[in-house]
Amino acid sequence: MQIKKQGHCAYQCEYHLILVTKYRRKIFNSGSFEYFREITRVIRESLPEIEFLTMNHDEDHLHFHLSIPPKMKVSDVV
């Protein structure tokens, strides 16, 4: 368990985000997953507080295990 610190708090806020395709269509393959990895690199550069702990995919959904600081709203990150 890793506790992160900011100027006003210590936190461990981890979220499991699942993005599902409409009608659970099987459209994700390794090429589209690599595209999502590139997008997460851009997000990491622009928002260094957000940490992608793990990422995984299936043909009809994506899994993201994120660490988001309490000063940011989860809805804004998504």
Protein backbone atom coordinates (compact mmCIF):
# COMPACT_ATOMS: atom_id res chain seq x y z
CA MET A 1 0.00 0.00 0.00
CA GLN A 2 1.60 3.23 -1.15
CA ILE A 3 0.37 6.44 0.41
CA LYS A 4 1.02 9.59 -1.61
CA LYS A 5 1.42 13.01 -0.06
CA GLN A 6 0.49 16.50 -1.11
CA GLY A 7 0.87 19.75 0.76
CA HIS A 8 -2.38 19.37 2.65
CA CYS A 9 -3.09 15.63 2.79
CA ALA A 10 -1.93 12.05 2.47
CA TYR A 11 -4.03 9.84 0.21
CA GLN A 12 -4.47 6.58 -1.60
CA CYS A 13 -7.33 7.05 -4.08
CA GLU A 14 -7.41 4.22 -6.61
CA TYR A 15 -10.21 3.66 -9.09
CA HIS A 16 -11.09 0.78 -11.39
CA LEU A 17 -12.54 2.28 -14.56
CA ILE A 18 -14.19 0.07 -17.17
CA LEU A 19 -15.05 1.50 -20.59
CA VAL A 20 -17.56 -0.64 -22.46
CA THR A 21 -18.53 -0.40 -26.13
CA LYS A 22 -22.09 0.25 -27.15
CA TYR A 23 -24.07 -3.01 -27.34
CA ARG A 24 -20.86 -4.77 -26.18
CA ARG A 25 -19.62 -4.94 -29.76
CA LYS A 26 -16.27 -6.68 -30.13
CA ILE A 27 -14.22 -3.91 -31.75
CA PHE A 28 -11.05 -3.68 -29.62
CA ASN A 29 -7.96 -5.44 -30.88
CA SER A 30 -4.26 -5.06 -30.14
CA GLY A 31 -3.96 -2.13 -32.58
CA SER A 32 -6.72 -0.10 -30.92
CA PHE A 33 -5.30 -0.93 -27.49
CA GLU A 34 -1.91 0.45 -28.57
CA TYR A 35 -3.71 3.64 -29.58
CA PHE A 36 -5.14 3.90 -26.05
CA ARG A 37 -1.64 3.42 -24.63
CA GLU A 38 -0.43 6.38 -26.73
CA ILE A 39 -3.35 8.48 -25.46
CA THR A 40 -2.47 7.62 -21.86
CA ARG A 41 1.11 8.78 -22.46
CA VAL A 42 -0.22 12.16 -23.58
CA ILE A 43 -2.47 12.33 -20.51
CA ARG A 44 0.46 11.50 -18.23
CA GLU A 45 2.49 14.35 -19.74
CA SER A 46 -0.30 16.91 -19.38
CA LEU A 47 -1.57 15.70 -15.97
CA PRO A 48 1.35 14.15 -14.06
CA GLU A 49 -0.74 13.71 -10.87
CA ILE A 50 -2.79 10.96 -12.54
CA GLU A 51 -1.09 7.59 -12.48
CA PHE A 52 -2.17 4.65 -14.63
CA LEU A 53 -1.39 1.62 -12.47
CA THR A 54 -2.57 -1.11 -14.85
CA MET A 55 -4.37 -1.28 -18.18
CA ASN A 56 -5.97 -4.28 -19.84
CA HIS A 57 -8.49 -4.98 -22.56
CA ASP A 58 -10.85 -7.52 -24.01
CA GLU A 59 -12.67 -7.39 -27.34
CA ASP A 60 -15.59 -5.38 -25.92
CA HIS A 61 -14.21 -3.40 -22.96
CA LEU A 62 -11.14 -1.67 -21.50
CA HIS A 63 -9.92 -1.79 -17.88
CA PHE A 64 -7.99 1.05 -16.28
CA HIS A 65 -6.69 1.02 -12.71
CA LEU A 66 -6.02 4.68 -11.88
CA SER A 67 -4.66 6.69 -9.01
CA ILE A 68 -6.25 10.15 -8.91
CA PRO A 69 -5.44 12.81 -6.28
CA PRO A 70 -8.33 14.07 -4.14
CA LYS A 71 -8.02 17.60 -5.51
CA MET A 72 -9.29 16.35 -8.92
CA LYS A 73 -12.82 15.17 -9.61
CA VAL A 74 -13.06 11.67 -11.05
CA SER A 75 -15.68 12.86 -13.56
CA ASP A 76 -13.24 15.47 -14.91
CA VAL A 77 -10.52 12.85 -15.36
CA VAL A 78 -12.86 10.47 -17.19
